PDB file of all heavy atoms in Angstrom:
ATOM      1  N   ASP A   1      -9.316   1.848  -4.681  1.00  0.00           N
ATOM      2  CA  ASP A   1      -9.006   3.247  -4.979  1.00  0.00           C
ATOM      3  C   ASP A   1      -8.615   4.026  -3.727  1.00  0.00           C
ATOM      4  O   ASP A   1      -7.618   4.771  -3.726  1.00  0.00           O
ATOM      5  CB  ASP A   1     -10.195   3.926  -5.656  1.00  0.00           C
ATOM      6  CG  ASP A   1     -10.409   3.450  -7.089  1.00  0.00           C
ATOM      7  OD1 ASP A   1      -9.511   2.755  -7.620  1.00  0.00           O
ATOM      8  OD2 ASP A   1     -11.461   3.759  -7.672  1.00  0.00           O
ATOM      9  N   ASP A   2      -9.376   3.884  -2.647  1.00  0.00           N
ATOM     10  CA  ASP A   2      -9.085   4.643  -1.425  1.00  0.00           C
ATOM     11  C   ASP A   2      -7.778   4.187  -0.791  1.00  0.00           C
ATOM     12  O   ASP A   2      -7.002   5.010  -0.285  1.00  0.00           O
ATOM     13  CB  ASP A   2     -10.230   4.495  -0.425  1.00  0.00           C
ATOM     14  CG  ASP A   2     -11.464   5.293  -0.829  1.00  0.00           C
ATOM     15  OD1 ASP A   2     -11.350   6.123  -1.755  1.00  0.00           O
ATOM     16  OD2 ASP A   2     -12.534   5.080  -0.228  1.00  0.00           O
ATOM     17  N   VAL A   3      -7.522   2.881  -0.816  1.00  0.00           N
ATOM     18  CA  VAL A   3      -6.267   2.365  -0.265  1.00  0.00           C
ATOM     19  C   VAL A   3      -5.091   2.852  -1.097  1.00  0.00           C
ATOM     20  O   VAL A   3      -4.063   3.282  -0.556  1.00  0.00           O
ATOM     21  CB  VAL A   3      -6.279   0.820  -0.213  1.00  0.00           C
ATOM     22  CG1 VAL A   3      -4.909   0.281   0.197  1.00  0.00           C
ATOM     23  CG2 VAL A   3      -7.333   0.324   0.756  1.00  0.00           C
ATOM     24  N   ARG A   4      -5.253   2.808  -2.405  1.00  0.00           N
ATOM     25  CA  ARG A   4      -4.175   3.256  -3.297  1.00  0.00           C
ATOM     26  C   ARG A   4      -3.864   4.736  -3.076  1.00  0.00           C
ATOM     27  O   ARG A   4      -2.691   5.133  -2.975  1.00  0.00           O
ATOM     28  CB  ARG A   4      -4.572   2.998  -4.743  1.00  0.00           C
ATOM     29  CG  ARG A   4      -3.458   3.273  -5.754  1.00  0.00           C
ATOM     30  CD  ARG A   4      -3.894   2.926  -7.153  1.00  0.00           C
ATOM     31  NE  ARG A   4      -4.035   1.495  -7.356  1.00  0.00           N
ATOM     32  CZ  ARG A   4      -5.209   0.859  -7.469  1.00  0.00           C
ATOM     33  NH1 ARG A   4      -6.344   1.528  -7.397  1.00  0.00           N
ATOM     34  NH2 ARG A   4      -5.256  -0.446  -7.653  1.00  0.00           N
ATOM     35  N   GLN A   5      -4.900   5.541  -2.954  1.00  0.00           N
ATOM     36  CA  GLN A   5      -4.705   6.970  -2.723  1.00  0.00           C
ATOM     37  C   GLN A   5      -4.010   7.211  -1.379  1.00  0.00           C
ATOM     38  O   GLN A   5      -3.077   8.019  -1.284  1.00  0.00           O
ATOM     39  CB  GLN A   5      -6.048   7.700  -2.752  1.00  0.00           C
ATOM     40  CG  GLN A   5      -5.930   9.201  -2.554  1.00  0.00           C
ATOM     41  CD  GLN A   5      -7.294   9.882  -2.542  1.00  0.00           C
ATOM     42  OE1 GLN A   5      -8.328   9.266  -2.305  1.00  0.00           O
ATOM     43  NE2 GLN A   5      -7.296  11.173  -2.801  1.00  0.00           N
ATOM     44  N   ALA A   6      -4.452   6.507  -0.356  1.00  0.00           N
ATOM     45  CA  ALA A   6      -3.843   6.666   0.972  1.00  0.00           C
ATOM     46  C   ALA A   6      -2.391   6.216   0.965  1.00  0.00           C
ATOM     47  O   ALA A   6      -1.515   6.865   1.548  1.00  0.00           O
ATOM     48  CB  ALA A   6      -4.643   5.872   2.007  1.00  0.00           C
ATOM     49  N   PHE A   7      -2.120   5.108   0.291  1.00  0.00           N
ATOM     50  CA  PHE A   7      -0.761   4.567   0.243  1.00  0.00           C
ATOM     51  C   PHE A   7       0.182   5.517  -0.483  1.00  0.00           C
ATOM     52  O   PHE A   7       1.295   5.790  -0.020  1.00  0.00           O
ATOM     53  CB  PHE A   7      -0.782   3.199  -0.441  1.00  0.00           C
ATOM     54  CG  PHE A   7       0.589   2.592  -0.623  1.00  0.00           C
ATOM     55  CD1 PHE A   7       1.314   2.148   0.473  1.00  0.00           C
ATOM     56  CD2 PHE A   7       1.150   2.474  -1.881  1.00  0.00           C
ATOM     57  CE1 PHE A   7       2.570   1.588   0.318  1.00  0.00           C
ATOM     58  CE2 PHE A   7       2.408   1.913  -2.046  1.00  0.00           C
ATOM     59  CZ  PHE A   7       3.120   1.473  -0.941  1.00  0.00           C
ATOM     60  N   GLN A   8      -0.266   6.032  -1.614  1.00  0.00           N
ATOM     61  CA  GLN A   8       0.582   6.952  -2.376  1.00  0.00           C
ATOM     62  C   GLN A   8       0.886   8.213  -1.591  1.00  0.00           C
ATOM     63  O   GLN A   8       1.987   8.775  -1.688  1.00  0.00           O
ATOM     64  CB  GLN A   8      -0.095   7.284  -3.708  1.00  0.00           C
ATOM     65  CG  GLN A   8      -0.141   6.108  -4.672  1.00  0.00           C
ATOM     66  CD  GLN A   8      -0.999   6.370  -5.900  1.00  0.00           C
ATOM     67  OE1 GLN A   8      -1.736   7.359  -5.967  1.00  0.00           O
ATOM     68  NE2 GLN A   8      -0.916   5.481  -6.886  1.00  0.00           N
ATOM     69  N   GLY A   9      -0.076   8.665  -0.778  1.00  0.00           N
ATOM     70  CA  GLY A   9       0.146   9.859   0.018  1.00  0.00           C
ATOM     71  C   GLY A   9       1.009   9.626   1.249  1.00  0.00           C
ATOM     72  O   GLY A   9       1.708  10.526   1.714  1.00  0.00           O
ATOM     73  N   ALA A  10       0.951   8.404   1.789  1.00  0.00           N
ATOM     74  CA  ALA A  10       1.649   8.115   3.050  1.00  0.00           C
ATOM     75  C   ALA A  10       3.056   7.568   2.848  1.00  0.00           C
ATOM     76  O   ALA A  10       3.918   7.722   3.717  1.00  0.00           O
ATOM     77  CB  ALA A  10       0.836   7.108   3.865  1.00  0.00           C
ATOM     78  N   ARG A  11       3.300   6.947   1.716  1.00  0.00           N
ATOM     79  CA  ARG A  11       4.566   6.238   1.519  1.00  0.00           C
ATOM     80  C   ARG A  11       5.761   7.184   1.561  1.00  0.00           C
ATOM     81  O   ARG A  11       5.764   8.231   0.938  1.00  0.00           O
ATOM     82  CB  ARG A  11       4.537   5.514   0.180  1.00  0.00           C
ATOM     83  CG  ARG A  11       5.689   4.546  -0.020  1.00  0.00           C
ATOM     84  CD  ARG A  11       5.589   3.886  -1.365  1.00  0.00           C
ATOM     85  NE  ARG A  11       6.447   2.720  -1.462  1.00  0.00           N
ATOM     86  CZ  ARG A  11       6.592   2.000  -2.562  1.00  0.00           C
ATOM     87  NH1 ARG A  11       5.923   2.332  -3.648  1.00  0.00           N
ATOM     88  NH2 ARG A  11       7.388   0.965  -2.578  1.00  0.00           N
ATOM     89  N   SER A  12       6.773   6.783   2.329  1.00  0.00           N
ATOM     90  CA  SER A  12       7.987   7.583   2.470  1.00  0.00           C
ATOM     91  C   SER A  12       9.087   6.697   3.029  1.00  0.00           C
ATOM     92  O   SER A  12       8.816   5.817   3.856  1.00  0.00           O
ATOM     93  CB  SER A  12       7.738   8.762   3.419  1.00  0.00           C
ATOM     94  OG  SER A  12       8.965   9.346   3.834  1.00  0.00           O
ATOM     95  N   PRO A  13      10.342   6.900   2.601  1.00  0.00           N
ATOM     96  CA  PRO A  13      11.459   6.112   3.162  1.00  0.00           C
ATOM     97  C   PRO A  13      11.610   6.305   4.672  1.00  0.00           C
ATOM     98  O   PRO A  13      12.197   5.456   5.348  1.00  0.00           O
ATOM     99  CB  PRO A  13      12.681   6.661   2.412  1.00  0.00           C
ATOM    100  CG  PRO A  13      12.143   7.269   1.163  1.00  0.00           C
ATOM    101  CD  PRO A  13      10.797   7.805   1.525  1.00  0.00           C
ATOM    102  N   GLN A  14      11.088   7.403   5.197  1.00  0.00           N
ATOM    103  CA  GLN A  14      11.213   7.691   6.624  1.00  0.00           C
ATOM    104  C   GLN A  14      10.017   7.183   7.433  1.00  0.00           C
ATOM    105  O   GLN A  14       9.939   7.419   8.632  1.00  0.00           O
ATOM    106  CB  GLN A  14      11.358   9.203   6.857  1.00  0.00           C
ATOM    107  CG  GLN A  14      12.695   9.788   6.447  1.00  0.00           C
ATOM    108  CD  GLN A  14      12.821   9.933   4.936  1.00  0.00           C
ATOM    109  OE1 GLN A  14      11.879  10.369   4.279  1.00  0.00           O
ATOM    110  NE2 GLN A  14      13.971   9.575   4.393  1.00  0.00           N
ATOM    111  N   ARG A  15       9.104   6.485   6.774  1.00  0.00           N
ATOM    112  CA  ARG A  15       7.873   6.071   7.434  1.00  0.00           C
ATOM    113  C   ARG A  15       7.690   4.566   7.441  1.00  0.00           C
ATOM    114  O   ARG A  15       8.095   3.870   6.515  1.00  0.00           O
ATOM    115  CB  ARG A  15       6.660   6.678   6.729  1.00  0.00           C
ATOM    116  CG  ARG A  15       6.142   7.952   7.354  1.00  0.00           C
ATOM    117  CD  ARG A  15       4.908   8.388   6.634  1.00  0.00           C
ATOM    118  NE  ARG A  15       4.276   9.492   7.350  1.00  0.00           N
ATOM    119  CZ  ARG A  15       3.380  10.292   6.813  1.00  0.00           C
ATOM    120  NH1 ARG A  15       3.021  10.117   5.552  1.00  0.00           N
ATOM    121  NH2 ARG A  15       2.840  11.263   7.523  1.00  0.00           N
ATOM    122  N   VAL A  16       7.038   4.091   8.496  1.00  0.00           N
ATOM    123  CA  VAL A  16       6.536   2.720   8.535  1.00  0.00           C
ATOM    124  C   VAL A  16       5.066   2.776   8.116  1.00  0.00           C
ATOM    125  O   VAL A  16       4.271   3.490   8.731  1.00  0.00           O
ATOM    126  CB  VAL A  16       6.655   2.114   9.950  1.00  0.00           C
ATOM    127  CG1 VAL A  16       5.961   0.757  10.013  1.00  0.00           C
ATOM    128  CG2 VAL A  16       8.115   1.992  10.350  1.00  0.00           C
ATOM    129  N   VAL A  17       4.713   2.061   7.065  1.00  0.00           N
ATOM    130  CA  VAL A  17       3.335   2.044   6.570  1.00  0.00           C
ATOM    131  C   VAL A  17       2.771   0.635   6.731  1.00  0.00           C
ATOM    132  O   VAL A  17       3.338  -0.333   6.220  1.00  0.00           O
ATOM    133  CB  VAL A  17       3.262   2.474   5.094  1.00  0.00           C
ATOM    134  CG1 VAL A  17       1.817   2.399   4.590  1.00  0.00           C
ATOM    135  CG2 VAL A  17       3.803   3.887   4.926  1.00  0.00           C
ATOM    136  N   ALA A  18       1.656   0.542   7.456  1.00  0.00           N
ATOM    137  CA  ALA A  18       0.987  -0.745   7.662  1.00  0.00           C
ATOM    138  C   ALA A  18      -0.409  -0.670   7.064  1.00  0.00           C
ATOM    139  O   ALA A  18      -1.209   0.181   7.452  1.00  0.00           O
ATOM    140  CB  ALA A  18       0.913  -1.071   9.149  1.00  0.00           C
ATOM    141  N   ILE A  19      -0.694  -1.544   6.124  1.00  0.00           N
ATOM    142  CA  ILE A  19      -2.022  -1.590   5.515  1.00  0.00           C
ATOM    143  C   ILE A  19      -2.866  -2.580   6.299  1.00  0.00           C
ATOM    144  O   ILE A  19      -2.514  -3.761   6.408  1.00  0.00           O
ATOM    145  CB  ILE A  19      -1.932  -1.996   4.038  1.00  0.00           C
ATOM    146  CG1 ILE A  19      -1.149  -0.937   3.260  1.00  0.00           C
ATOM    147  CG2 ILE A  19      -3.331  -2.167   3.436  1.00  0.00           C
ATOM    148  CD1 ILE A  19      -0.845  -1.312   1.832  1.00  0.00           C
ATOM    149  N   SER A  20      -3.968  -2.103   6.857  1.00  0.00           N
ATOM    150  CA  SER A  20      -4.863  -2.967   7.623  1.00  0.00           C
ATOM    151  C   SER A  20      -6.197  -3.180   6.921  1.00  0.00           C
ATOM    152  O   SER A  20      -7.026  -3.947   7.405  1.00  0.00           O
ATOM    153  CB  SER A  20      -5.097  -2.386   9.021  1.00  0.00           C
ATOM    154  OG  SER A  20      -3.931  -2.490   9.811  1.00  0.00           O
ATOM    155  N   SER A  21      -6.427  -2.495   5.820  1.00  0.00           N
ATOM    156  CA  SER A  21      -7.643  -2.706   5.034  1.00  0.00           C
ATOM    157  C   SER A  21      -7.668  -4.139   4.502  1.00  0.00           C
ATOM    158  O   SER A  21      -6.622  -4.751   4.277  1.00  0.00           O
ATOM    159  CB  SER A  21      -7.681  -1.738   3.844  1.00  0.00           C
ATOM    160  OG  SER A  21      -7.570  -0.395   4.266  1.00  0.00           O
ATOM    161  N   THR A  22      -8.881  -4.660   4.293  1.00  0.00           N
ATOM    162  CA  THR A  22      -9.003  -5.976   3.676  1.00  0.00           C
ATOM    163  C   THR A  22      -8.551  -5.889   2.215  1.00  0.00           C
ATOM    164  O   THR A  22      -9.068  -5.062   1.453  1.00  0.00           O
ATOM    165  CB  THR A  22     -10.452  -6.470   3.741  1.00  0.00           C
ATOM    166  OG1 THR A  22     -10.836  -6.610   5.114  1.00  0.00           O
ATOM    167  CG2 THR A  22     -10.600  -7.819   3.035  1.00  0.00           C
ATOM    168  N   MET A  23      -7.601  -6.731   1.844  1.00  0.00           N
ATOM    169  CA  MET A  23      -7.050  -6.710   0.498  1.00  0.00           C
ATOM    170  C   MET A  23      -7.318  -8.038  -0.206  1.00  0.00           C
ATOM    171  O   MET A  23      -7.266  -9.100   0.425  1.00  0.00           O
ATOM    172  CB  MET A  23      -5.545  -6.461   0.554  1.00  0.00           C
ATOM    173  CG  MET A  23      -5.142  -5.154   1.216  1.00  0.00           C
ATOM    174  SD  MET A  23      -5.604  -3.715   0.256  1.00  0.00           S
ATOM    175  CE  MET A  23      -4.347  -3.748  -1.034  1.00  0.00           C
ATOM    176  N   PRO A  24      -7.585  -8.002  -1.512  1.00  0.00           N
ATOM    177  CA  PRO A  24      -7.696  -9.256  -2.255  1.00  0.00           C
ATOM    178  C   PRO A  24      -6.314  -9.882  -2.427  1.00  0.00           C
ATOM    179  O   PRO A  24      -5.286  -9.211  -2.238  1.00  0.00           O
ATOM    180  CB  PRO A  24      -8.262  -8.803  -3.605  1.00  0.00           C
ATOM    181  CG  PRO A  24      -7.727  -7.412  -3.764  1.00  0.00           C
ATOM    182  CD  PRO A  24      -7.720  -6.825  -2.379  1.00  0.00           C
ATOM    183  N   ILE A  25      -6.288 -11.147  -2.750  1.00  0.00           N
ATOM    184  CA  ILE A  25      -5.009 -11.797  -3.015  1.00  0.00           C
ATOM    185  C   ILE A  25      -4.376 -11.142  -4.243  1.00  0.00           C
ATOM    186  O   ILE A  25      -5.000 -11.047  -5.305  1.00  0.00           O
ATOM    187  CB  ILE A  25      -5.206 -13.310  -3.246  1.00  0.00           C
ATOM    188  CG1 ILE A  25      -5.767 -13.954  -1.973  1.00  0.00           C
ATOM    189  CG2 ILE A  25      -3.888 -13.979  -3.635  1.00  0.00           C
ATOM    190  CD1 ILE A  25      -6.206 -15.385  -2.148  1.00  0.00           C
ATOM    191  N   GLY A  26      -3.174 -10.642  -4.077  1.00  0.00           N
ATOM    192  CA  GLY A  26      -2.509  -9.904  -5.133  1.00  0.00           C
ATOM    193  C   GLY A  26      -2.764  -8.411  -5.065  1.00  0.00           C
ATOM    194  O   GLY A  26      -2.180  -7.638  -5.837  1.00  0.00           O
ATOM    195  N   GLY A  27      -3.609  -7.964  -4.140  1.00  0.00           N
ATOM    196  CA  GLY A  27      -3.942  -6.550  -4.035  1.00  0.00           C
ATOM    197  C   GLY A  27      -2.760  -5.693  -3.619  1.00  0.00           C
ATOM    198  O   GLY A  27      -2.562  -4.593  -4.135  1.00  0.00           O
ATOM    199  N   CYS A  28      -1.961  -6.217  -2.688  1.00  0.00           N
ATOM    200  CA  CYS A  28      -0.798  -5.436  -2.246  1.00  0.00           C
ATOM    201  C   CYS A  28       0.210  -5.255  -3.373  1.00  0.00           C
ATOM    202  O   CYS A  28       0.885  -4.226  -3.462  1.00  0.00           O
ATOM    203  CB  CYS A  28      -0.138  -6.117  -1.042  1.00  0.00           C
ATOM    204  SG  CYS A  28      -1.105  -5.993   0.490  1.00  0.00           S
ATOM    205  N   ARG A  29       0.292  -6.252  -4.247  1.00  0.00           N
ATOM    206  CA  ARG A  29       1.221  -6.139  -5.371  1.00  0.00           C
ATOM    207  C   ARG A  29       0.759  -5.070  -6.369  1.00  0.00           C
ATOM    208  O   ARG A  29       1.570  -4.542  -7.131  1.00  0.00           O
ATOM    209  CB  ARG A  29       1.375  -7.500  -6.064  1.00  0.00           C
ATOM    210  CG  ARG A  29       2.603  -7.613  -6.948  1.00  0.00           C
ATOM    211  CD  ARG A  29       2.826  -9.025  -7.431  1.00  0.00           C
ATOM    212  NE  ARG A  29       3.271  -9.917  -6.378  1.00  0.00           N
ATOM    213  CZ  ARG A  29       4.529 -10.005  -5.942  1.00  0.00           C
ATOM    214  NH1 ARG A  29       5.466  -9.250  -6.479  1.00  0.00           N
ATOM    215  NH2 ARG A  29       4.850 -10.857  -4.981  1.00  0.00           N
ATOM    216  N   GLN A  30      -0.535  -4.756  -6.348  1.00  0.00           N
ATOM    217  CA  GLN A  30      -1.022  -3.666  -7.192  1.00  0.00           C
ATOM    218  C   GLN A  30      -0.532  -2.310  -6.689  1.00  0.00           C
ATOM    219  O   GLN A  30      -0.455  -1.346  -7.445  1.00  0.00           O
ATOM    220  CB  GLN A  30      -2.545  -3.675  -7.238  1.00  0.00           C
ATOM    221  CG  GLN A  30      -3.149  -4.887  -7.937  1.00  0.00           C
ATOM    222  CD  GLN A  30      -4.660  -4.825  -7.986  1.00  0.00           C
ATOM    223  OE1 GLN A  30      -5.237  -3.757  -8.210  1.00  0.00           O
ATOM    224  NE2 GLN A  30      -5.301  -5.958  -7.762  1.00  0.00           N
ATOM    225  N   LEU A  31      -0.203  -2.244  -5.397  1.00  0.00           N
ATOM    226  CA  LEU A  31       0.325  -1.007  -4.830  1.00  0.00           C
ATOM    227  C   LEU A  31       1.807  -0.864  -5.132  1.00  0.00           C
ATOM    228  O   LEU A  31       2.297   0.224  -5.404  1.00  0.00           O
ATOM    229  CB  LEU A  31       0.095  -0.976  -3.319  1.00  0.00           C
ATOM    230  CG  LEU A  31      -1.347  -1.123  -2.843  1.00  0.00           C
ATOM    231  CD1 LEU A  31      -1.400  -1.083  -1.328  1.00  0.00           C
ATOM    232  CD2 LEU A  31      -2.237  -0.036  -3.446  1.00  0.00           C
ATOM    233  N   ASP A  32       2.535  -1.977  -5.033  1.00  0.00           N
ATOM    234  CA  ASP A  32       3.961  -1.990  -5.354  1.00  0.00           C
ATOM    235  C   ASP A  32       4.325  -3.381  -5.849  1.00  0.00           C
ATOM    236  O   ASP A  32       4.173  -4.367  -5.121  1.00  0.00           O
ATOM    237  CB  ASP A  32       4.812  -1.637  -4.129  1.00  0.00           C
ATOM    238  CG  ASP A  32       6.287  -1.538  -4.466  1.00  0.00           C
ATOM    239  OD1 ASP A  32       6.951  -2.604  -4.533  1.00  0.00           O
ATOM    240  OD2 ASP A  32       6.787  -0.419  -4.676  1.00  0.00           O
ATOM    241  N   GLU A  33       4.782  -3.451  -7.075  1.00  0.00           N
ATOM    242  CA  GLU A  33       5.076  -4.742  -7.711  1.00  0.00           C
ATOM    243  C   GLU A  33       6.072  -5.555  -6.903  1.00  0.00           C
ATOM    244  O   GLU A  33       6.001  -6.790  -6.855  1.00  0.00           O
ATOM    245  CB  GLU A  33       5.605  -4.493  -9.130  1.00  0.00           C
ATOM    246  CG  GLU A  33       5.982  -5.765  -9.887  1.00  0.00           C
ATOM    247  CD  GLU A  33       4.791  -6.669 -10.161  1.00  0.00           C
ATOM    248  OE1 GLU A  33       3.664  -6.140 -10.291  1.00  0.00           O
ATOM    249  OE2 GLU A  33       4.993  -7.892 -10.237  1.00  0.00           O
ATOM    250  N   ASN A  34       6.997  -4.872  -6.232  1.00  0.00           N
ATOM    251  CA  ASN A  34       8.037  -5.570  -5.470  1.00  0.00           C
ATOM    252  C   ASN A  34       7.689  -5.748  -3.995  1.00  0.00           C
ATOM    253  O   ASN A  34       8.497  -6.264  -3.226  1.00  0.00           O
ATOM    254  CB  ASN A  34       9.359  -4.808  -5.599  1.00  0.00           C
ATOM    255  CG  ASN A  34       9.853  -4.757  -7.031  1.00  0.00           C
ATOM    256  OD1 ASN A  34       9.880  -5.770  -7.728  1.00  0.00           O
ATOM    257  ND2 ASN A  34      10.229  -3.572  -7.497  1.00  0.00           N
ATOM    258  N   LEU A  35       6.489  -5.290  -3.597  1.00  0.00           N
ATOM    259  CA  LEU A  35       6.012  -5.426  -2.215  1.00  0.00           C
ATOM    260  C   LEU A  35       6.975  -4.789  -1.218  1.00  0.00           C
ATOM    261  O   LEU A  35       7.242  -5.336  -0.143  1.00  0.00           O
ATOM    262  CB  LEU A  35       5.783  -6.907  -1.862  1.00  0.00           C
ATOM    263  CG  LEU A  35       4.751  -7.644  -2.723  1.00  0.00           C
ATOM    264  CD1 LEU A  35       4.692  -9.121  -2.339  1.00  0.00           C
ATOM    265  CD2 LEU A  35       3.369  -6.998  -2.586  1.00  0.00           C
ATOM    266  N   LEU A  36       7.467  -3.611  -1.564  1.00  0.00           N
ATOM    267  CA  LEU A  36       8.436  -2.922  -0.713  1.00  0.00           C
ATOM    268  C   LEU A  36       7.826  -1.647  -0.120  1.00  0.00           C
ATOM    269  O   LEU A  36       6.929  -1.039  -0.698  1.00  0.00           O
ATOM    270  CB  LEU A  36       9.690  -2.564  -1.512  1.00  0.00           C
ATOM    271  CG  LEU A  36      10.491  -3.735  -2.085  1.00  0.00           C
ATOM    272  CD1 LEU A  36      11.642  -3.221  -2.942  1.00  0.00           C
ATOM    273  CD2 LEU A  36      11.003  -4.636  -0.969  1.00  0.00           C
TER     274      LEU A  36
END
């Protein structure tokens, strides 16, 4: 939940976003299906 909230707030075409939180396998795909 906290990662998802942070990601939704930070994501922007003008930004580089790096997730450093521990993620489960497939967790990043829950943030964006295309991993973009």
